[in-house]
Amino acid sequence: MRKTIYMSEPLIRLAEETRGDSRRTSGFSRRLGEIVERYQIMLDIDAQKLPELTDGEMEIMGEIVMGSVIDARKIRGLHLDPLDAASGTPEEKKQLAGKIEPLTAGQRLALVEGVEGNAE
């Protein structure tokens, strides 16, 4: 199956890193496939280690994640975001922040992906 994709900045960098002499020797598609596969492996492993969230905590996470740019800064500070959320009680916000704080970067990404997946 042939698909057309938008070449965002990260994909442009990947295309330049994998540039070959011709389309046949270029490794862009192969490398992109490897990256996607490895990301999925990380998510699958880390998603098994996530804490259970209440409905209220999931609502707060939805507010935090939806429409946000998910970058390194967002993942690093994800445990602070519930404290500033408009939804949820002060206790829910504090409890959610405490659940997120000990998570690894991979677990935080798995949490974000899970929240985005539930919203679709």
C-alpha atoms as a PDB file:
ATOM      1  CA  MET A   1       0.000   0.000   0.000  1.00  0.00           C
ATOM      2  CA  ARG A   2       1.351   3.402  -0.952  1.00  0.00           C
ATOM      3  CA  LYS A   3       0.650   6.388   1.298  1.00  0.00           C
ATOM      4  CA  THR A   4       1.591  10.037   1.094  1.00  0.00           C
ATOM      5  CA  ILE A   5       2.870  11.578   4.321  1.00  0.00           C
ATOM      6  CA  TYR A   6       3.471  15.157   5.367  1.00  0.00           C
ATOM      7  CA  MET A   7       7.207  15.703   5.798  1.00  0.00           C
ATOM      8  CA  SER A   8       7.401  17.373   9.197  1.00  0.00           C
ATOM      9  CA  GLU A   9      10.726  18.593  10.572  1.00  0.00           C
ATOM     10  CA  PRO A  10      11.607  15.291  12.304  1.00  0.00           C
ATOM     11  CA  LEU A  11      10.844  13.352   9.107  1.00  0.00           C
ATOM     12  CA  ILE A  12      12.934  15.731   7.020  1.00  0.00           C
ATOM     13  CA  ARG A  13      15.876  15.141   9.389  1.00  0.00           C
ATOM     14  CA  LEU A  14      15.354  11.381   9.155  1.00  0.00           C
ATOM     15  CA  ALA A  15      15.205  11.550   5.352  1.00  0.00           C
ATOM     16  CA  GLU A  16      18.502  13.447   5.288  1.00  0.00           C
ATOM     17  CA  GLU A  17      20.134  10.980   7.685  1.00  0.00           C
ATOM     18  CA  THR A  18      19.031   8.010   5.567  1.00  0.00           C
ATOM     19  CA  ARG A  19      19.609   9.555   2.149  1.00  0.00           C
ATOM     20  CA  GLY A  20      21.029   7.130  -0.403  1.00  0.00           C
ATOM     21  CA  ASP A  21      22.121   7.555  -4.007  1.00  0.00           C
ATOM     22  CA  SER A  22      18.728   6.501  -5.320  1.00  0.00           C
ATOM     23  CA  ARG A  23      15.261   5.606  -4.096  1.00  0.00           C
ATOM     24  CA  ARG A  24      16.337   1.969  -4.023  1.00  0.00           C
ATOM     25  CA  THR A  25      19.318   2.614  -1.745  1.00  0.00           C
ATOM     26  CA  SER A  26      17.579   5.146   0.486  1.00  0.00           C
ATOM     27  CA  GLY A  27      16.691   3.697   3.882  1.00  0.00           C
ATOM     28  CA  PHE A  28      14.009   6.226   4.842  1.00  0.00           C
ATOM     29  CA  SER A  29      11.005   3.881   4.766  1.00  0.00           C
ATOM     30  CA  ARG A  30      12.895   1.025   6.376  1.00  0.00           C
ATOM     31  CA  ARG A  31      14.251   3.268   9.147  1.00  0.00           C
ATOM     32  CA  LEU A  32      10.877   4.902   9.752  1.00  0.00           C
ATOM     33  CA  GLY A  33       9.330   1.446  10.071  1.00  0.00           C
ATOM     34  CA  GLU A  34      11.980   0.427  12.607  1.00  0.00           C
ATOM     35  CA  ILE A  35      11.362   3.552  14.673  1.00  0.00           C
ATOM     36  CA  VAL A  36       7.596   3.007  14.702  1.00  0.00           C
ATOM     37  CA  GLU A  37       8.029  -0.664  15.652  1.00  0.00           C
ATOM     38  CA  ARG A  38      10.448   0.142  18.478  1.00  0.00           C
ATOM     39  CA  TYR A  39       8.195   2.913  19.797  1.00  0.00           C
ATOM     40  CA  GLN A  40       5.305   0.450  19.895  1.00  0.00           C
ATOM     41  CA  ILE A  41       7.437  -2.088  21.776  1.00  0.00           C
ATOM     42  CA  MET A  42       8.300   0.581  24.361  1.00  0.00           C
ATOM     43  CA  LEU A  43       4.665   1.573  24.744  1.00  0.00           C
ATOM     44  CA  ASP A  44       3.502  -2.033  25.088  1.00  0.00           C
ATOM     45  CA  ILE A  45       6.060  -2.795  27.794  1.00  0.00           C
ATOM     46  CA  ASP A  46       5.606   0.454  29.720  1.00  0.00           C
ATOM     47  CA  ALA A  47       1.796   0.436  29.476  1.00  0.00           C
ATOM     48  CA  GLN A  48       1.796  -2.746  31.565  1.00  0.00           C
ATOM     49  CA  LYS A  49       3.384  -0.821  34.444  1.00  0.00           C
ATOM     50  CA  LEU A  50       1.022   2.159  34.592  1.00  0.00           C
ATOM     51  CA  PRO A  51      -1.006   3.001  37.700  1.00  0.00           C
ATOM     52  CA  GLU A  52      -4.778   2.715  37.601  1.00  0.00           C
ATOM     53  CA  LEU A  53      -6.440   6.104  37.164  1.00  0.00           C
ATOM     54  CA  THR A  54      -9.880   7.051  38.423  1.00  0.00           C
ATOM     55  CA  ASP A  55     -12.453   8.598  36.075  1.00  0.00           C
ATOM     56  CA  GLY A  56     -11.688  11.998  37.604  1.00  0.00           C
ATOM     57  CA  GLU A  57      -7.959  11.539  37.047  1.00  0.00           C
ATOM     58  CA  MET A  58      -8.600  10.476  33.442  1.00  0.00           C
ATOM     59  CA  GLU A  59     -10.635  13.642  32.931  1.00  0.00           C
ATOM     60  CA  ILE A  60      -7.729  15.711  34.248  1.00  0.00           C
ATOM     61  CA  MET A  61      -5.300  13.831  31.986  1.00  0.00           C
ATOM     62  CA  GLY A  62      -7.568  14.514  29.006  1.00  0.00           C
ATOM     63  CA  GLU A  63      -7.456  18.223  29.779  1.00  0.00           C
ATOM     64  CA  ILE A  64      -3.663  18.109  30.110  1.00  0.00           C
ATOM     65  CA  VAL A  65      -3.009  16.155  26.921  1.00  0.00           C
ATOM     66  CA  MET A  66      -5.663  17.094  24.371  1.00  0.00           C
ATOM     67  CA  GLY A  67      -4.531  19.898  22.113  1.00  0.00           C
ATOM     68  CA  SER A  68      -1.106  20.053  23.736  1.00  0.00           C
ATOM     69  CA  VAL A  69       2.224  19.719  21.993  1.00  0.00           C
ATOM     70  CA  ILE A  70       3.807  16.593  23.412  1.00  0.00           C
ATOM     71  CA  ASP A  71       7.528  17.245  23.494  1.00  0.00           C
ATOM     72  CA  ALA A  72      10.384  16.470  25.890  1.00  0.00           C
ATOM     73  CA  ARG A  73       9.493  19.406  28.128  1.00  0.00           C
ATOM     74  CA  LYS A  74       5.871  18.265  28.399  1.00  0.00           C
ATOM     75  CA  ILE A  75       6.881  14.697  29.279  1.00  0.00           C
ATOM     76  CA  ARG A  76       9.471  15.863  31.849  1.00  0.00           C
ATOM     77  CA  GLY A  77       6.981  18.158  33.596  1.00  0.00           C
ATOM     78  CA  LEU A  78       3.875  16.006  33.156  1.00  0.00           C
ATOM     79  CA  HIS A  79       3.616  15.384  36.902  1.00  0.00           C
ATOM     80  CA  LEU A  80       3.207  19.138  37.497  1.00  0.00           C
ATOM     81  CA  ASP A  81       0.413  19.659  34.972  1.00  0.00           C
ATOM     82  CA  PRO A  82      -2.427  18.185  37.082  1.00  0.00           C
ATOM     83  CA  LEU A  83      -1.813  20.833  39.740  1.00  0.00           C
ATOM     84  CA  ASP A  84      -2.743  23.570  37.235  1.00  0.00           C
ATOM     85  CA  ALA A  85      -5.706  21.757  35.656  1.00  0.00           C
ATOM     86  CA  ALA A  86      -9.136  23.384  35.699  1.00  0.00           C
ATOM     87  CA  SER A  87     -10.960  20.082  36.148  1.00  0.00           C
ATOM     88  CA  GLY A  88     -10.863  17.825  39.183  1.00  0.00           C
ATOM     89  CA  THR A  89     -10.761  18.401  42.894  1.00  0.00           C
ATOM     90  CA  PRO A  90      -7.588  19.574  44.630  1.00  0.00           C
ATOM     91  CA  GLU A  91      -7.207  16.063  46.111  1.00  0.00           C
ATOM     92  CA  GLU A  92      -7.583  14.377  42.681  1.00  0.00           C
ATOM     93  CA  LYS A  93      -5.009  16.745  41.199  1.00  0.00           C
ATOM     94  CA  LYS A  94      -2.507  16.057  43.988  1.00  0.00           C
ATOM     95  CA  GLN A  95      -3.122  12.301  43.827  1.00  0.00           C
ATOM     96  CA  LEU A  96      -2.647  12.237  40.039  1.00  0.00           C
ATOM     97  CA  ALA A  97       0.559  14.279  40.279  1.00  0.00           C
ATOM     98  CA  GLY A  98       1.842  11.755  42.817  1.00  0.00           C
ATOM     99  CA  LYS A  99       1.029   8.853  40.492  1.00  0.00           C
ATOM    100  CA  ILE A 100       2.804  10.465  37.531  1.00  0.00           C
ATOM    101  CA  GLU A 101       5.935  11.693  39.323  1.00  0.00           C
ATOM    102  CA  PRO A 102       7.687   8.293  39.704  1.00  0.00           C
ATOM    103  CA  LEU A 103       6.946   7.214  36.116  1.00  0.00           C
ATOM    104  CA  THR A 104       9.751   6.880  33.584  1.00  0.00           C
ATOM    105  CA  ALA A 105       9.680   8.858  30.340  1.00  0.00           C
ATOM    106  CA  GLY A 106       8.476   5.731  28.514  1.00  0.00           C
ATOM    107  CA  GLN A 107       5.668   5.212  31.006  1.00  0.00           C
ATOM    108  CA  ARG A 108       4.656   8.854  30.712  1.00  0.00           C
ATOM    109  CA  LEU A 109       4.539   8.501  26.916  1.00  0.00           C
ATOM    110  CA  ALA A 110       2.453   5.329  27.280  1.00  0.00           C
ATOM    111  CA  LEU A 111       0.085   7.231  29.580  1.00  0.00           C
ATOM    112  CA  VAL A 112      -0.253  10.087  27.081  1.00  0.00           C
ATOM    113  CA  GLU A 113      -0.835   7.640  24.213  1.00  0.00           C
ATOM    114  CA  GLY A 114      -3.459   5.833  26.307  1.00  0.00           C
ATOM    115  CA  VAL A 115      -5.306   9.053  27.075  1.00  0.00           C
ATOM    116  CA  GLU A 116      -5.240  10.122  23.428  1.00  0.00           C
ATOM    117  CA  GLY A 117      -6.393   6.651  22.377  1.00  0.00           C
ATOM    118  CA  ASN A 118      -9.353   6.766  24.774  1.00  0.00           C
ATOM    119  CA  ALA A 119     -10.467  10.123  23.366  1.00  0.00           C
ATOM    120  CA  GLU A 120     -10.745   8.833  19.790  1.00  0.00           C
END
